[in-house]
PDB file of all heavy atoms in Angstrom:
ATOM      1  N   ALA A   1      77.617 -72.653 110.656  1.00  0.00           N
ATOM      2  CA  ALA A   1      78.911 -72.559 111.330  1.00  0.00           C
ATOM      3  C   ALA A   1      79.238 -71.106 111.669  1.00  0.00           C
ATOM      4  O   ALA A   1      79.745 -70.804 112.753  1.00  0.00           O
ATOM      5  CB  ALA A   1      80.012 -73.163 110.457  1.00  0.00           C
ATOM      6  N   LYS A   2      78.910 -70.208 110.766  1.00  0.00           N
ATOM      7  CA  LYS A   2      79.129 -68.780 111.010  1.00  0.00           C
ATOM      8  C   LYS A   2      78.204 -68.282 112.127  1.00  0.00           C
ATOM      9  O   LYS A   2      78.600 -67.490 112.973  1.00  0.00           O
ATOM     10  CB  LYS A   2      78.871 -67.989 109.730  1.00  0.00           C
ATOM     11  CG  LYS A   2      79.129 -66.514 109.849  1.00  0.00           C
ATOM     12  CD  LYS A   2      78.861 -65.809 108.529  1.00  0.00           C
ATOM     13  CE  LYS A   2      79.012 -64.313 108.696  1.00  0.00           C
ATOM     14  NZ  LYS A   2      78.638 -63.594 107.479  1.00  0.00           N
ATOM     15  N   LEU A   3      76.993 -68.802 112.157  1.00  0.00           N
ATOM     16  CA  LEU A   3      75.995 -68.363 113.136  1.00  0.00           C
ATOM     17  C   LEU A   3      76.314 -68.853 114.548  1.00  0.00           C
ATOM     18  O   LEU A   3      76.237 -68.088 115.500  1.00  0.00           O
ATOM     19  CB  LEU A   3      74.604 -68.860 112.704  1.00  0.00           C
ATOM     20  CG  LEU A   3      73.388 -68.274 113.376  1.00  0.00           C
ATOM     21  CD1 LEU A   3      73.249 -66.788 113.057  1.00  0.00           C
ATOM     22  CD2 LEU A   3      72.133 -69.011 112.908  1.00  0.00           C
ATOM     23  N   VAL A   4      76.670 -70.134 114.681  1.00  0.00           N
ATOM     24  CA  VAL A   4      76.852 -70.716 116.020  1.00  0.00           C
ATOM     25  C   VAL A   4      78.305 -71.054 116.354  1.00  0.00           C
ATOM     26  O   VAL A   4      78.603 -71.408 117.491  1.00  0.00           O
ATOM     27  CB  VAL A   4      75.980 -71.985 116.220  1.00  0.00           C
ATOM     28  CG1 VAL A   4      74.516 -71.664 116.033  1.00  0.00           C
ATOM     29  CG2 VAL A   4      76.406 -73.121 115.307  1.00  0.00           C
ATOM     30  N   GLY A   5      79.180 -70.976 115.369  1.00  0.00           N
ATOM     31  CA  GLY A   5      80.582 -71.330 115.574  1.00  0.00           C
ATOM     32  C   GLY A   5      80.853 -72.753 115.122  1.00  0.00           C
ATOM     33  O   GLY A   5      80.030 -73.646 115.329  1.00  0.00           O
ATOM     34  N   GLU A   6      82.006 -72.956 114.493  1.00  0.00           N
ATOM     35  CA  GLU A   6      82.347 -74.272 113.943  1.00  0.00           C
ATOM     36  C   GLU A   6      82.463 -75.345 115.018  1.00  0.00           C
ATOM     37  O   GLU A   6      81.979 -76.460 114.836  1.00  0.00           O
ATOM     38  CB  GLU A   6      83.640 -74.190 113.129  1.00  0.00           C
ATOM     39  CG  GLU A   6      83.470 -73.456 111.822  1.00  0.00           C
ATOM     40  CD  GLU A   6      84.724 -73.448 110.981  1.00  0.00           C
ATOM     41  OE1 GLU A   6      85.551 -74.383 111.118  1.00  0.00           O
ATOM     42  OE2 GLU A   6      84.886 -72.510 110.186  1.00  0.00           O
ATOM     43  N   ASP A   7      83.114 -75.012 116.133  1.00  0.00           N
ATOM     44  CA  ASP A   7      83.289 -76.000 117.204  1.00  0.00           C
ATOM     45  C   ASP A   7      81.949 -76.427 117.786  1.00  0.00           C
ATOM     46  O   ASP A   7      81.700 -77.617 117.998  1.00  0.00           O
ATOM     47  CB  ASP A   7      84.186 -75.449 118.313  1.00  0.00           C
ATOM     48  CG  ASP A   7      85.623 -75.268 117.857  1.00  0.00           C
ATOM     49  OD1 ASP A   7      86.022 -75.886 116.844  1.00  0.00           O
ATOM     50  OD2 ASP A   7      86.358 -74.501 118.516  1.00  0.00           O
ATOM     51  N   PHE A   8      81.075 -75.447 118.039  1.00  0.00           N
ATOM     52  CA  PHE A   8      79.758 -75.750 118.597  1.00  0.00           C
ATOM     53  C   PHE A   8      78.945 -76.596 117.618  1.00  0.00           C
ATOM     54  O   PHE A   8      78.292 -77.559 118.011  1.00  0.00           O
ATOM     55  CB  PHE A   8      79.008 -74.457 118.930  1.00  0.00           C
ATOM     56  CG  PHE A   8      77.685 -74.672 119.611  1.00  0.00           C
ATOM     57  CD1 PHE A   8      77.634 -75.036 120.948  1.00  0.00           C
ATOM     58  CD2 PHE A   8      76.500 -74.510 118.922  1.00  0.00           C
ATOM     59  CE1 PHE A   8      76.415 -75.240 121.586  1.00  0.00           C
ATOM     60  CE2 PHE A   8      75.282 -74.708 119.549  1.00  0.00           C
ATOM     61  CZ  PHE A   8      75.243 -75.070 120.888  1.00  0.00           C
ATOM     62  N   LEU A   9      79.024 -76.260 116.338  1.00  0.00           N
ATOM     63  CA  LEU A   9      78.296 -77.026 115.326  1.00  0.00           C
ATOM     64  C   LEU A   9      78.789 -78.471 115.281  1.00  0.00           C
ATOM     65  O   LEU A   9      77.985 -79.403 115.189  1.00  0.00           O
ATOM     66  CB  LEU A   9      78.431 -76.369 113.953  1.00  0.00           C
ATOM     67  CG  LEU A   9      77.629 -77.006 112.823  1.00  0.00           C
ATOM     68  CD1 LEU A   9      76.134 -77.032 113.140  1.00  0.00           C
ATOM     69  CD2 LEU A   9      77.871 -76.261 111.509  1.00  0.00           C
ATOM     70  N   GLU A  10      80.086 -78.674 115.396  1.00  0.00           N
ATOM     71  CA  GLU A  10      80.643 -80.034 115.401  1.00  0.00           C
ATOM     72  C   GLU A  10      80.158 -80.821 116.621  1.00  0.00           C
ATOM     73  O   GLU A  10      79.807 -81.997 116.513  1.00  0.00           O
ATOM     74  CB  GLU A  10      82.166 -80.008 115.363  1.00  0.00           C
ATOM     75  CG  GLU A  10      82.734 -79.802 113.990  1.00  0.00           C
ATOM     76  CD  GLU A  10      82.247 -80.833 112.977  1.00  0.00           C
ATOM     77  OE1 GLU A  10      82.269 -82.048 113.257  1.00  0.00           O
ATOM     78  OE2 GLU A  10      81.821 -80.401 111.892  1.00  0.00           O
ATOM     79  N   ILE A  11      80.127 -80.175 117.779  1.00  0.00           N
ATOM     80  CA  ILE A  11      79.627 -80.826 118.999  1.00  0.00           C
ATOM     81  C   ILE A  11      78.179 -81.239 118.807  1.00  0.00           C
ATOM     82  O   ILE A  11      77.788 -82.372 119.131  1.00  0.00           O
ATOM     83  CB  ILE A  11      79.770 -79.892 120.221  1.00  0.00           C
ATOM     84  CG1 ILE A  11      81.247 -79.720 120.581  1.00  0.00           C
ATOM     85  CG2 ILE A  11      78.969 -80.412 121.402  1.00  0.00           C
ATOM     86  CD1 ILE A  11      81.523 -78.588 121.550  1.00  0.00           C
ATOM     87  N   LYS A  12      77.376 -80.347 118.248  1.00  0.00           N
ATOM     88  CA  LYS A  12      75.953 -80.639 118.031  1.00  0.00           C
ATOM     89  C   LYS A  12      75.777 -81.749 116.995  1.00  0.00           C
ATOM     90  O   LYS A  12      74.916 -82.614 117.138  1.00  0.00           O
ATOM     91  CB  LYS A  12      75.195 -79.378 117.594  1.00  0.00           C
ATOM     92  CG  LYS A  12      74.957 -78.401 118.720  1.00  0.00           C
ATOM     93  CD  LYS A  12      73.998 -78.993 119.735  1.00  0.00           C
ATOM     94  CE  LYS A  12      73.625 -78.031 120.813  1.00  0.00           C
ATOM     95  NZ  LYS A  12      72.561 -78.540 121.681  1.00  0.00           N
ATOM     96  N   LYS A  13      76.592 -81.749 115.948  1.00  0.00           N
ATOM     97  CA  LYS A  13      76.515 -82.802 114.929  1.00  0.00           C
ATOM     98  C   LYS A  13      76.774 -84.166 115.566  1.00  0.00           C
ATOM     99  O   LYS A  13      76.049 -85.127 115.315  1.00  0.00           O
ATOM    100  CB  LYS A  13      77.515 -82.558 113.806  1.00  0.00           C
ATOM    101  CG  LYS A  13      77.087 -81.551 112.787  1.00  0.00           C
ATOM    102  CD  LYS A  13      78.150 -81.463 111.701  1.00  0.00           C
ATOM    103  CE  LYS A  13      77.819 -80.477 110.634  1.00  0.00           C
ATOM    104  NZ  LYS A  13      78.855 -80.410 109.588  1.00  0.00           N
ATOM    105  N   GLU A  14      77.826 -84.257 116.388  1.00  0.00           N
ATOM    106  CA  GLU A  14      78.144 -85.513 117.066  1.00  0.00           C
ATOM    107  C   GLU A  14      77.004 -85.932 117.988  1.00  0.00           C
ATOM    108  O   GLU A  14      76.617 -87.097 118.021  1.00  0.00           O
ATOM    109  CB  GLU A  14      79.437 -85.371 117.862  1.00  0.00           C
ATOM    110  CG  GLU A  14      80.675 -85.329 117.010  1.00  0.00           C
ATOM    111  CD  GLU A  14      81.942 -85.120 117.823  1.00  0.00           C
ATOM    112  OE1 GLU A  14      81.949 -85.490 119.022  1.00  0.00           O
ATOM    113  OE2 GLU A  14      82.922 -84.596 117.259  1.00  0.00           O
ATOM    114  N   GLN A  15      76.477 -84.981 118.731  1.00  0.00           N
ATOM    115  CA  GLN A  15      75.382 -85.256 119.660  1.00  0.00           C
ATOM    116  C   GLN A  15      74.169 -85.811 118.920  1.00  0.00           C
ATOM    117  O   GLN A  15      73.526 -86.743 119.382  1.00  0.00           O
ATOM    118  CB  GLN A  15      75.002 -83.967 120.394  1.00  0.00           C
ATOM    119  CG  GLN A  15      73.835 -84.098 121.347  1.00  0.00           C
ATOM    120  CD  GLN A  15      73.442 -82.747 121.959  1.00  0.00           C
ATOM    121  OE1 GLN A  15      74.096 -81.730 121.736  1.00  0.00           O
ATOM    122  NE2 GLN A  15      72.373 -82.756 122.704  1.00  0.00           N
ATOM    123  N   HIS A  16      73.883 -85.261 117.761  1.00  0.00           N
ATOM    124  CA  HIS A  16      72.670 -85.636 117.053  1.00  0.00           C
ATOM    125  C   HIS A  16      72.833 -86.819 116.104  1.00  0.00           C
ATOM    126  O   HIS A  16      71.847 -87.301 115.563  1.00  0.00           O
ATOM    127  CB  HIS A  16      72.097 -84.433 116.327  1.00  0.00           C
ATOM    128  CG  HIS A  16      71.576 -83.395 117.272  1.00  0.00           C
ATOM    129  ND1 HIS A  16      70.678 -83.687 118.277  1.00  0.00           N
ATOM    130  CD2 HIS A  16      71.839 -82.078 117.392  1.00  0.00           C
ATOM    131  CE1 HIS A  16      70.407 -82.596 118.950  1.00  0.00           C
ATOM    132  NE2 HIS A  16      71.108 -81.606 118.440  1.00  0.00           N
ATOM    133  N   HIS A  17      74.038 -87.290 115.916  1.00  0.00           N
ATOM    134  CA  HIS A  17      74.212 -88.477 115.081  1.00  0.00           C
ATOM    135  C   HIS A  17      74.029 -89.764 115.878  1.00  0.00           C
ATOM    136  O   HIS A  17      74.033 -90.845 115.321  1.00  0.00           O
ATOM    137  CB  HIS A  17      75.574 -88.444 114.372  1.00  0.00           C
ATOM    138  CG  HIS A  17      75.560 -87.608 113.145  1.00  0.00           C
ATOM    139  ND1 HIS A  17      75.191 -86.288 113.142  1.00  0.00           N
ATOM    140  CD2 HIS A  17      75.845 -87.909 111.856  1.00  0.00           C
ATOM    141  CE1 HIS A  17      75.255 -85.812 111.917  1.00  0.00           C
ATOM    142  NE2 HIS A  17      75.653 -86.772 111.111  1.00  0.00           N
ATOM    143  N   LYS A  18      73.838 -89.625 117.177  1.00  0.00           N
ATOM    144  CA  LYS A  18      73.531 -90.778 118.002  1.00  0.00           C
ATOM    145  C   LYS A  18      72.010 -90.968 117.988  1.00  0.00           C
ATOM    146  O   LYS A  18      71.269 -90.045 118.307  1.00  0.00           O
ATOM    147  CB  LYS A  18      74.003 -90.546 119.444  1.00  0.00           C
ATOM    148  CG  LYS A  18      75.487 -90.358 119.568  1.00  0.00           C
ATOM    149  CD  LYS A  18      75.862 -89.981 120.971  1.00  0.00           C
ATOM    150  CE  LYS A  18      77.340 -89.626 121.032  1.00  0.00           C
ATOM    151  NZ  LYS A  18      77.693 -88.987 122.286  1.00  0.00           N
ATOM    152  N   PRO A  19      71.541 -92.161 117.617  1.00  0.00           N
ATOM    153  CA  PRO A  19      70.090 -92.375 117.583  1.00  0.00           C
ATOM    154  C   PRO A  19      69.473 -92.176 118.972  1.00  0.00           C
ATOM    155  O   PRO A  19      69.921 -92.760 119.952  1.00  0.00           O
ATOM    156  CB  PRO A  19      69.939 -93.826 117.133  1.00  0.00           C
ATOM    157  CG  PRO A  19      71.294 -94.291 116.743  1.00  0.00           C
ATOM    158  CD  PRO A  19      72.301 -93.329 117.268  1.00  0.00           C
ATOM    159  N   THR A  20      68.495 -91.305 119.041  1.00  0.00           N
ATOM    160  CA  THR A  20      67.849 -91.003 120.310  1.00  0.00           C
ATOM    161  C   THR A  20      66.341 -90.992 120.124  1.00  0.00           C
ATOM    162  O   THR A  20      65.836 -90.339 119.227  1.00  0.00           O
ATOM    163  CB  THR A  20      68.299 -89.616 120.837  1.00  0.00           C
ATOM    164  OG1 THR A  20      69.719 -89.568 120.842  1.00  0.00           O
ATOM    165  CG2 THR A  20      67.775 -89.354 122.213  1.00  0.00           C
ATOM    166  N   LYS A  21      65.646 -91.710 120.951  1.00  0.00           N
ATOM    167  CA  LYS A  21      64.178 -91.723 120.923  1.00  0.00           C
ATOM    168  C   LYS A  21      63.684 -90.888 122.092  1.00  0.00           C
ATOM    169  O   LYS A  21      64.258 -90.911 123.172  1.00  0.00           O
ATOM    170  CB  LYS A  21      63.652 -93.150 121.065  1.00  0.00           C
ATOM    171  CG  LYS A  21      63.995 -94.046 119.902  1.00  0.00           C
ATOM    172  CD  LYS A  21      62.854 -94.094 118.961  1.00  0.00           C
ATOM    173  CE  LYS A  21      63.171 -95.075 117.836  1.00  0.00           C
ATOM    174  NZ  LYS A  21      62.166 -95.100 116.861  1.00  0.00           N
ATOM    175  N   MET A  22      62.626 -90.158 121.854  1.00  0.00           N
ATOM    176  CA  MET A  22      62.003 -89.383 122.929  1.00  0.00           C
ATOM    177  C   MET A  22      60.754 -90.112 123.394  1.00  0.00           C
ATOM    178  O   MET A  22      59.929 -90.516 122.576  1.00  0.00           O
ATOM    179  CB  MET A  22      61.630 -87.989 122.437  1.00  0.00           C
ATOM    180  CG  MET A  22      62.816 -87.100 122.169  1.00  0.00           C
ATOM    181  SD  MET A  22      62.319 -85.442 121.677  1.00  0.00           S
ATOM    182  CE  MET A  22      61.755 -84.798 123.240  1.00  0.00           C
ATOM    183  N   THR A  23      60.623 -90.256 124.694  1.00  0.00           N
ATOM    184  CA  THR A  23      59.414 -90.855 125.248  1.00  0.00           C
ATOM    185  C   THR A  23      58.316 -89.791 125.264  1.00  0.00           C
ATOM    186  O   THR A  23      58.589 -88.599 125.083  1.00  0.00           O
ATOM    187  CB  THR A  23      59.658 -91.349 126.688  1.00  0.00           C
ATOM    188  OG1 THR A  23      59.905 -90.209 127.517  1.00  0.00           O
ATOM    189  CG2 THR A  23      60.818 -92.328 126.750  1.00  0.00           C
ATOM    190  N   LYS A  24      57.096 -90.214 125.520  1.00  0.00           N
ATOM    191  CA  LYS A  24      55.993 -89.255 125.646  1.00  0.00           C
ATOM    192  C   LYS A  24      56.262 -88.283 126.785  1.00  0.00           C
ATOM    193  O   LYS A  24      55.972 -87.091 126.681  1.00  0.00           O
ATOM    194  CB  LYS A  24      54.667 -89.981 125.865  1.00  0.00           C
ATOM    195  CG  LYS A  24      54.133 -90.633 124.623  1.00  0.00           C
ATOM    196  CD  LYS A  24      52.762 -91.237 124.863  1.00  0.00           C
ATOM    197  CE  LYS A  24      52.248 -91.877 123.585  1.00  0.00           C
ATOM    198  NZ  LYS A  24      50.900 -92.410 123.758  1.00  0.00           N
ATOM    199  N   ALA A  25      56.830 -88.778 127.875  1.00  0.00           N
ATOM    200  CA  ALA A  25      57.154 -87.916 129.021  1.00  0.00           C
ATOM    201  C   ALA A  25      58.231 -86.892 128.637  1.00  0.00           C
ATOM    202  O   ALA A  25      58.134 -85.723 129.026  1.00  0.00           O
ATOM    203  CB  ALA A  25      57.619 -88.751 130.204  1.00  0.00           C
ATOM    204  N   ASP A  26      59.240 -87.321 127.862  1.00  0.00           N
ATOM    205  CA  ASP A  26      60.278 -86.405 127.392  1.00  0.00           C
ATOM    206  C   ASP A  26      59.666 -85.294 126.542  1.00  0.00           C
ATOM    207  O   ASP A  26      59.991 -84.115 126.698  1.00  0.00           O
ATOM    208  CB  ASP A  26      61.328 -87.137 126.536  1.00  0.00           C
ATOM    209  CG  ASP A  26      62.176 -88.114 127.305  1.00  0.00           C
ATOM    210  OD1 ASP A  26      62.317 -87.949 128.540  1.00  0.00           O
ATOM    211  OD2 ASP A  26      62.699 -89.057 126.667  1.00  0.00           O
ATOM    212  N   LYS A  27      58.782 -85.690 125.616  1.00  0.00           N
ATOM    213  CA  LYS A  27      58.154 -84.711 124.739  1.00  0.00           C
ATOM    214  C   LYS A  27      57.270 -83.746 125.526  1.00  0.00           C
ATOM    215  O   LYS A  27      57.243 -82.552 125.237  1.00  0.00           O
ATOM    216  CB  LYS A  27      57.353 -85.409 123.636  1.00  0.00           C
ATOM    217  CG  LYS A  27      58.237 -86.032 122.570  1.00  0.00           C
ATOM    218  CD  LYS A  27      57.454 -86.755 121.513  1.00  0.00           C
ATOM    219  CE  LYS A  27      56.996 -85.804 120.448  1.00  0.00           C
ATOM    220  NZ  LYS A  27      56.353 -86.468 119.317  1.00  0.00           N
ATOM    221  N   LYS A  28      56.608 -84.255 126.543  1.00  0.00           N
ATOM    222  CA  LYS A  28      55.767 -83.400 127.377  1.00  0.00           C
ATOM    223  C   LYS A  28      56.630 -82.388 128.133  1.00  0.00           C
ATOM    224  O   LYS A  28      56.297 -81.198 128.191  1.00  0.00           O
ATOM    225  CB  LYS A  28      54.955 -84.250 128.361  1.00  0.00           C
ATOM    226  CG  LYS A  28      54.001 -83.463 129.215  1.00  0.00           C
ATOM    227  CD  LYS A  28      53.213 -84.371 130.148  1.00  0.00           C
ATOM    228  CE  LYS A  28      52.299 -83.541 131.032  1.00  0.00           C
ATOM    229  NZ  LYS A  28      51.547 -84.351 131.971  1.00  0.00           N
ATOM    230  N   ASP A  29      57.741 -82.843 128.700  1.00  0.00           N
ATOM    231  CA  ASP A  29      58.661 -81.950 129.410  1.00  0.00           C
ATOM    232  C   ASP A  29      59.251 -80.902 128.461  1.00  0.00           C
ATOM    233  O   ASP A  29      59.351 -79.718 128.804  1.00  0.00           O
ATOM    234  CB  ASP A  29      59.805 -82.736 130.049  1.00  0.00           C
ATOM    235  CG  ASP A  29      59.367 -83.544 131.256  1.00  0.00           C
ATOM    236  OD1 ASP A  29      58.268 -83.298 131.781  1.00  0.00           O
ATOM    237  OD2 ASP A  29      60.149 -84.435 131.664  1.00  0.00           O
ATOM    238  N   MET A  30      59.647 -81.340 127.264  1.00  0.00           N
ATOM    239  CA  MET A  30      60.213 -80.427 126.282  1.00  0.00           C
ATOM    240  C   MET A  30      59.192 -79.363 125.893  1.00  0.00           C
ATOM    241  O   MET A  30      59.516 -78.175 125.862  1.00  0.00           O
ATOM    242  CB  MET A  30      60.656 -81.185 125.031  1.00  0.00           C
ATOM    243  CG  MET A  30      61.193 -80.284 123.929  1.00  0.00           C
ATOM    244  SD  MET A  30      61.364 -81.108 122.326  1.00  0.00           S
ATOM    245  CE  MET A  30      59.646 -81.327 121.862  1.00  0.00           C
ATOM    246  N   TYR A  31      57.974 -79.792 125.646  1.00  0.00           N
ATOM    247  CA  TYR A  31      56.918 -78.862 125.241  1.00  0.00           C
ATOM    248  C   TYR A  31      56.650 -77.846 126.353  1.00  0.00           C
ATOM    249  O   TYR A  31      56.540 -76.644 126.089  1.00  0.00           O
ATOM    250  CB  TYR A  31      55.644 -79.628 124.884  1.00  0.00           C
ATOM    251  CG  TYR A  31      54.534 -78.740 124.387  1.00  0.00           C
ATOM    252  CD1 TYR A  31      54.627 -78.143 123.125  1.00  0.00           C
ATOM    253  CD2 TYR A  31      53.408 -78.500 125.147  1.00  0.00           C
ATOM    254  CE1 TYR A  31      53.607 -77.326 122.659  1.00  0.00           C
ATOM    255  CE2 TYR A  31      52.390 -77.674 124.686  1.00  0.00           C
ATOM    256  CZ  TYR A  31      52.497 -77.099 123.444  1.00  0.00           C
ATOM    257  OH  TYR A  31      51.491 -76.280 122.978  1.00  0.00           O
ATOM    258  N   SER A  32      56.598 -78.301 127.569  1.00  0.00           N
ATOM    259  CA  SER A  32      56.380 -77.414 128.712  1.00  0.00           C
ATOM    260  C   SER A  32      57.521 -76.395 128.825  1.00  0.00           C
ATOM    261  O   SER A  32      57.289 -75.198 129.039  1.00  0.00           O
ATOM    262  CB  SER A  32      56.266 -78.241 129.993  1.00  0.00           C
ATOM    263  OG  SER A  32      56.119 -77.411 131.110  1.00  0.00           O
ATOM    264  N   TYR A  33      58.749 -76.871 128.683  1.00  0.00           N
ATOM    265  CA  TYR A  33      59.913 -75.989 128.740  1.00  0.00           C
ATOM    266  C   TYR A  33      59.834 -74.929 127.649  1.00  0.00           C
ATOM    267  O   TYR A  33      60.027 -73.737 127.899  1.00  0.00           O
ATOM    268  CB  TYR A  33      61.206 -76.800 128.613  1.00  0.00           C
ATOM    269  CG  TYR A  33      62.434 -75.928 128.491  1.00  0.00           C
ATOM    270  CD1 TYR A  33      62.980 -75.321 129.622  1.00  0.00           C
ATOM    271  CD2 TYR A  33      63.031 -75.693 127.253  1.00  0.00           C
ATOM    272  CE1 TYR A  33      64.100 -74.498 129.517  1.00  0.00           C
ATOM    273  CE2 TYR A  33      64.141 -74.875 127.141  1.00  0.00           C
ATOM    274  CZ  TYR A  33      64.672 -74.280 128.273  1.00  0.00           C
ATOM    275  OH  TYR A  33      65.771 -73.453 128.162  1.00  0.00           O
ATOM    276  N   TYR A  34      59.552 -75.366 126.414  1.00  0.00           N
ATOM    277  CA  TYR A  34      59.517 -74.430 125.290  1.00  0.00           C
ATOM    278  C   TYR A  34      58.330 -73.459 125.379  1.00  0.00           C
ATOM    279  O   TYR A  34      58.464 -72.300 124.993  1.00  0.00           O
ATOM    280  CB  TYR A  34      59.537 -75.176 123.966  1.00  0.00           C
ATOM    281  CG  TYR A  34      60.924 -75.666 123.574  1.00  0.00           C
ATOM    282  CD1 TYR A  34      61.093 -76.865 122.898  1.00  0.00           C
ATOM    283  CD2 TYR A  34      62.068 -74.928 123.873  1.00  0.00           C
ATOM    284  CE1 TYR A  34      62.357 -77.308 122.528  1.00  0.00           C
ATOM    285  CE2 TYR A  34      63.332 -75.365 123.512  1.00  0.00           C
ATOM    286  CZ  TYR A  34      63.470 -76.550 122.838  1.00  0.00           C
ATOM    287  OH  TYR A  34      64.729 -76.980 122.471  1.00  0.00           O
ATOM    288  N   CYS A  35      57.197 -73.892 125.911  1.00  0.00           N
ATOM    289  CA  CYS A  35      56.071 -72.968 126.106  1.00  0.00           C
ATOM    290  C   CYS A  35      56.454 -71.869 127.100  1.00  0.00           C
ATOM    291  O   CYS A  35      56.146 -70.686 126.884  1.00  0.00           O
ATOM    292  CB  CYS A  35      54.828 -73.715 126.598  1.00  0.00           C
ATOM    293  SG  CYS A  35      53.982 -74.642 125.312  1.00  0.00           S
ATOM    294  N   GLY A  36      57.144 -72.241 128.166  1.00  0.00           N
ATOM    295  CA  GLY A  36      57.611 -71.262 129.141  1.00  0.00           C
ATOM    296  C   GLY A  36      58.625 -70.302 128.538  1.00  0.00           C
ATOM    297  O   GLY A  36      58.593 -69.092 128.803  1.00  0.00           O
ATOM    298  N   LEU A  37      59.523 -70.833 127.717  1.00  0.00           N
ATOM    299  CA  LEU A  37      60.529 -70.008 127.059  1.00  0.00           C
ATOM    300  C   LEU A  37      59.865 -69.009 126.116  1.00  0.00           C
ATOM    301  O   LEU A  37      60.219 -67.823 126.103  1.00  0.00           O
ATOM    302  CB  LEU A  37      61.518 -70.894 126.298  1.00  0.00           C
ATOM    303  CG  LEU A  37      62.625 -70.190 125.515  1.00  0.00           C
ATOM    304  CD1 LEU A  37      63.461 -69.287 126.419  1.00  0.00           C
ATOM    305  CD2 LEU A  37      63.500 -71.220 124.814  1.00  0.00           C
ATOM    306  N   LEU A  38      58.893 -69.465 125.344  1.00  0.00           N
ATOM    307  CA  LEU A  38      58.181 -68.576 124.422  1.00  0.00           C
ATOM    308  C   LEU A  38      57.476 -67.460 125.191  1.00  0.00           C
ATOM    309  O   LEU A  38      57.551 -66.286 124.809  1.00  0.00           O
ATOM    310  CB  LEU A  38      57.181 -69.348 123.565  1.00  0.00           C
ATOM    311  CG  LEU A  38      56.351 -68.500 122.593  1.00  0.00           C
ATOM    312  CD1 LEU A  38      57.246 -67.735 121.615  1.00  0.00           C
ATOM    313  CD2 LEU A  38      55.362 -69.391 121.851  1.00  0.00           C
ATOM    314  N   LYS A  39      56.838 -67.815 126.285  1.00  0.00           N
ATOM    315  CA  LYS A  39      56.152 -66.820 127.114  1.00  0.00           C
ATOM    316  C   LYS A  39      57.147 -65.763 127.605  1.00  0.00           C
ATOM    317  O   LYS A  39      56.868 -64.553 127.565  1.00  0.00           O
ATOM    318  CB  LYS A  39      55.468 -67.511 128.293  1.00  0.00           C
ATOM    319  CG  LYS A  39      54.656 -66.607 129.164  1.00  0.00           C
ATOM    320  CD  LYS A  39      53.993 -67.390 130.280  1.00  0.00           C
ATOM    321  CE  LYS A  39      53.242 -66.452 131.224  1.00  0.00           C
ATOM    322  NZ  LYS A  39      52.655 -67.172 132.350  1.00  0.00           N
ATOM    323  N   ASP A  40      58.323 -66.211 128.038  1.00  0.00           N
ATOM    324  CA  ASP A  40      59.361 -65.293 128.504  1.00  0.00           C
ATOM    325  C   ASP A  40      59.858 -64.383 127.380  1.00  0.00           C
ATOM    326  O   ASP A  40      60.049 -63.180 127.583  1.00  0.00           O
ATOM    327  CB  ASP A  40      60.528 -66.086 129.101  1.00  0.00           C
ATOM    328  CG  ASP A  40      61.652 -65.184 129.589  1.00  0.00           C
ATOM    329  OD1 ASP A  40      61.385 -64.323 130.461  1.00  0.00           O
ATOM    330  OD2 ASP A  40      62.783 -65.342 129.097  1.00  0.00           O
ATOM    331  N   LEU A  41      60.074 -64.945 126.195  1.00  0.00           N
ATOM    332  CA  LEU A  41      60.535 -64.149 125.054  1.00  0.00           C
ATOM    333  C   LEU A  41      59.519 -63.067 124.690  1.00  0.00           C
ATOM    334  O   LEU A  41      59.888 -61.907 124.448  1.00  0.00           O
ATOM    335  CB  LEU A  41      60.801 -65.052 123.846  1.00  0.00           C
ATOM    336  CG  LEU A  41      62.004 -65.975 123.932  1.00  0.00           C
ATOM    337  CD1 LEU A  41      61.999 -66.969 122.782  1.00  0.00           C
ATOM    338  CD2 LEU A  41      63.290 -65.186 123.952  1.00  0.00           C
TER     339      LEU A  41
END
């Protein structure tokens, strides 16, 4: 809460308490996005 803010943490908690499944395509897109982000960092 100190790191990201209490309001933001509450929003994320609500978002993540909803059951969500990732498809293989979702995981592939996520991995591609994160590989690009790492390269940029």
